[in-house]
Amino acid sequence: MKRISIQAKLEEIIDTLEKGSLVSAHDFLEVGNYEAVKRALVRLCDEGKLKRVLRGLYQTPNYNAFLKKDIGISPKKVAEKLAEKFGWTIAPAEDTALNELGLSTQVPAKCTFISHGPTKKYTLDNGIDIYFKHKTNKEISKLTTKEASVIEAIQTISPEHMNNQIRKF
C-alpha cells in the first residue's frame, strides 16, 4: 500500500474547494499534525498552488479569465476567517459599516471591525490593513451583525450629516 504525503492529501482537498477560499493549518488537522500541515501549506504556496494572504492564512487560486489575473481576497472574508479561528463575534465598524450598509459608496481605506477579542491590527500581504476594535462581549454578543453595524454606522455619522434618508434606514 502506497502512503500518500500530507502535501498530496492537502492538494486533493484544496482542489475541491471553491475558488478563492481561505485556508489555514487548523482546517486540515485531520490530515496530519499542525507542524506538518503548516510546512505542507508553505510548500504549496512556494509552488504557486496557494497564495499567502497573512501569516498562517492562505487563499486558493482565484483566477479571473475576463480580467486575466488572480483576484485578491476580500478583507471582510479575512476578518471573518480570523474571527472563526479565534472564536470572536465581529461586526463592521466606522466607515466599513457605512459602506456595508450602503450608506456610503466610498470604499474605506482601512477595514475596521468591532469584536470581543483584543484590539489588533493585521496587515495583509497586499498592504491592506484590517483593524479589530475591542468591545465587551455584552455589547455585541446579543446583537445580529446587522444590528451591530447599524449602531456603529450611527456612531460614525456626525450629527450635522444625519438626515432623514439615514434615519429611515
Protein backbone atom coordinates (compact mmCIF):
# COMPACT_ATOMS: atom_id res chain seq x y z
CA MET A 1 0.00 0.00 0.00
CA LYS A 2 1.45 3.33 -1.07
CA ARG A 3 1.45 6.10 1.53
CA ILE A 4 0.15 9.48 0.37
CA SER A 5 2.07 12.50 1.64
CA ILE A 6 0.38 15.18 3.71
CA GLN A 7 1.05 17.67 0.92
CA ALA A 8 -0.65 15.40 -1.65
CA LYS A 9 -3.66 14.99 0.66
CA LEU A 10 -3.86 18.77 1.10
CA GLU A 11 -3.70 19.28 -2.67
CA GLU A 12 -6.61 16.85 -3.14
CA ILE A 13 -8.72 18.71 -0.58
CA ILE A 14 -7.76 22.16 -1.90
CA ASP A 15 -8.74 21.11 -5.44
CA THR A 16 -12.31 20.51 -4.19
CA LEU A 17 -12.64 23.95 -2.56
CA GLU A 18 -14.33 26.96 -4.12
CA LYS A 19 -12.06 29.39 -6.00
CA GLY A 20 -10.61 31.99 -3.65
CA SER A 21 -11.26 30.06 -0.43
CA LEU A 22 -9.27 30.90 2.68
CA VAL A 23 -7.48 28.09 4.48
CA SER A 24 -5.18 27.69 7.47
CA ALA A 25 -3.39 24.78 9.10
CA HIS A 26 -6.28 24.47 11.58
CA ASP A 27 -8.57 23.49 8.70
CA PHE A 28 -6.51 20.36 7.96
CA LEU A 29 -5.68 18.86 11.34
CA GLU A 30 -7.44 15.61 10.34
CA VAL A 31 -4.75 15.15 7.67
CA GLY A 32 -1.73 15.44 9.97
CA ASN A 33 -0.25 17.24 12.94
CA TYR A 34 -0.17 21.04 12.97
CA GLU A 35 3.55 21.44 12.17
CA ALA A 36 3.48 19.00 9.25
CA VAL A 37 0.36 20.63 7.79
CA LYS A 38 1.88 24.08 8.21
CA ARG A 39 5.06 23.03 6.35
CA ALA A 40 2.98 21.46 3.56
CA LEU A 41 0.95 24.68 3.18
CA VAL A 42 4.16 26.71 2.90
CA ARG A 43 5.45 24.33 0.20
CA LEU A 44 2.15 24.61 -1.69
CA CYS A 45 2.49 28.38 -1.50
CA ASP A 46 6.07 28.20 -2.79
CA GLU A 47 4.82 26.08 -5.71
CA GLY A 48 2.14 28.66 -6.54
CA LYS A 49 -0.78 26.39 -5.62
CA LEU A 50 -1.75 28.70 -2.75
CA LYS A 51 -1.26 32.40 -2.15
CA ARG A 52 -0.19 33.71 1.26
CA VAL A 53 -2.63 36.34 2.50
CA LEU A 54 -1.42 36.70 6.06
CA ARG A 55 0.91 34.70 8.26
CA GLY A 56 -0.75 31.29 8.53
CA LEU A 57 -3.62 32.17 6.19
CA TYR A 58 -3.69 31.18 2.52
CA GLN A 59 -6.02 31.67 -0.45
CA THR A 60 -6.76 29.06 -3.09
CA PRO A 61 -6.25 30.26 -6.69
CA ASN A 62 -8.86 32.75 -7.82
CA TYR A 63 -8.01 33.42 -11.46
CA ASN A 64 -10.47 35.54 -13.43
CA ALA A 65 -10.35 34.79 -17.15
CA PHE A 66 -12.02 38.10 -18.09
CA LEU A 67 -9.50 40.20 -16.15
CA LYS A 68 -6.70 37.75 -16.94
CA LYS A 69 -5.35 37.89 -13.41
CA ASP A 70 -5.74 36.46 -9.95
CA ILE A 71 -8.37 38.24 -7.85
CA GLY A 72 -7.28 39.23 -4.37
CA ILE A 73 -9.15 38.28 -1.25
CA SER A 74 -11.83 40.42 0.34
CA PRO A 75 -10.66 41.94 3.65
CA LYS A 76 -14.10 41.09 5.02
CA LYS A 77 -13.54 37.39 4.28
CA VAL A 78 -10.17 37.56 6.02
CA ALA A 79 -11.77 39.22 9.05
CA GLU A 80 -14.47 36.53 9.13
CA LYS A 81 -11.85 33.76 8.91
CA LEU A 82 -9.82 35.31 11.74
CA ALA A 83 -12.99 35.63 13.83
CA GLU A 84 -13.80 31.97 13.15
CA LYS A 85 -10.26 30.92 14.07
CA PHE A 86 -10.26 32.84 17.38
CA GLY A 87 -13.96 32.42 18.23
CA TRP A 88 -14.73 36.14 18.08
CA THR A 89 -18.04 37.79 17.36
CA ILE A 90 -17.39 40.59 14.87
CA ALA A 91 -19.30 43.30 13.02
CA PRO A 92 -18.23 46.04 10.59
CA ALA A 93 -17.44 49.37 12.26
CA GLU A 94 -16.88 53.00 11.29
CA ASP A 95 -16.57 53.61 7.52
CA THR A 96 -16.63 49.86 6.86
CA ALA A 97 -20.11 49.71 8.44
CA LEU A 98 -21.30 52.70 6.38
CA ASN A 99 -20.09 51.03 3.18
CA GLU A 100 -21.55 47.60 4.06
CA LEU A 101 -24.94 49.15 4.82
CA GLY A 102 -24.95 51.16 1.59
CA LEU A 103 -24.87 54.49 3.44
CA SER A 104 -21.61 55.38 1.72
CA THR A 105 -20.35 54.49 -1.73
CA GLN A 106 -16.76 55.18 -0.77
CA VAL A 107 -14.62 52.11 -0.22
CA PRO A 108 -12.84 52.61 3.12
CA ALA A 109 -9.06 52.82 3.08
CA LYS A 110 -8.92 50.60 6.16
CA CYS A 111 -11.33 47.86 7.14
CA THR A 112 -12.48 48.16 10.72
CA PHE A 113 -14.48 45.67 12.76
CA ILE A 114 -15.62 45.52 16.34
CA SER A 115 -15.02 42.30 18.23
CA HIS A 116 -14.94 40.95 21.75
CA GLY A 117 -11.36 39.88 21.00
CA PRO A 118 -8.36 42.14 21.54
CA THR A 119 -7.77 45.41 19.74
CA LYS A 120 -5.46 44.35 16.96
CA LYS A 121 -4.25 45.33 13.51
CA TYR A 122 -3.47 42.85 10.74
CA THR A 123 -1.69 43.88 7.54
CA LEU A 124 -2.42 41.63 4.59
CA ASP A 125 0.39 40.75 2.19
CA ASN A 126 -1.20 43.14 -0.35
CA GLY A 127 -0.80 46.04 2.14
CA ILE A 128 -4.45 46.37 3.20
CA ASP A 129 -4.96 46.88 6.93
CA ILE A 130 -7.71 45.20 8.94
CA TYR A 131 -8.41 46.62 12.38
CA PHE A 132 -10.29 44.92 15.19
CA LYS A 133 -11.53 47.23 17.94
CA HIS A 134 -12.38 45.64 21.26
CA LYS A 135 -15.92 45.89 22.58
CA THR A 136 -17.09 43.97 25.61
CA ASN A 137 -18.85 40.72 24.87
CA LYS A 138 -22.12 42.05 26.33
CA GLU A 139 -22.03 45.00 23.90
CA ILE A 140 -22.12 42.82 20.78
CA SER A 141 -22.93 39.20 21.61
CA LYS A 142 -26.73 39.64 21.75
CA LEU A 143 -26.86 41.69 18.55
CA THR A 144 -27.04 40.44 15.00
CA THR A 145 -24.22 41.56 12.73
CA LYS A 146 -26.60 43.99 11.01
CA GLU A 147 -27.78 45.50 14.31
CA ALA A 148 -24.20 46.00 15.49
CA SER A 149 -23.28 47.51 12.09
CA VAL A 150 -26.20 49.96 12.26
CA ILE A 151 -25.16 51.08 15.75
CA GLU A 152 -21.56 51.53 14.57
CA ALA A 153 -22.71 53.46 11.48
CA ILE A 154 -24.87 55.81 13.56
CA GLN A 155 -21.94 56.45 15.90
CA THR A 156 -19.71 57.19 12.89
CA ILE A 157 -22.04 59.72 11.26
CA SER A 158 -21.62 63.16 12.74
CA PRO A 159 -24.85 64.90 13.86
CA GLU A 160 -24.57 67.53 11.11
CA HIS A 161 -24.55 64.77 8.45
CA MET A 162 -27.53 62.89 9.87
CA ASN A 163 -30.52 63.29 7.54
CA ASN A 164 -33.99 61.79 7.02
CA GLN A 165 -32.75 59.28 4.46
CA ILE A 166 -30.35 57.81 7.01
CA ARG A 167 -32.94 57.95 9.80
CA LYS A 168 -35.41 55.95 7.66
CA PHE A 169 -32.79 53.28 7.04
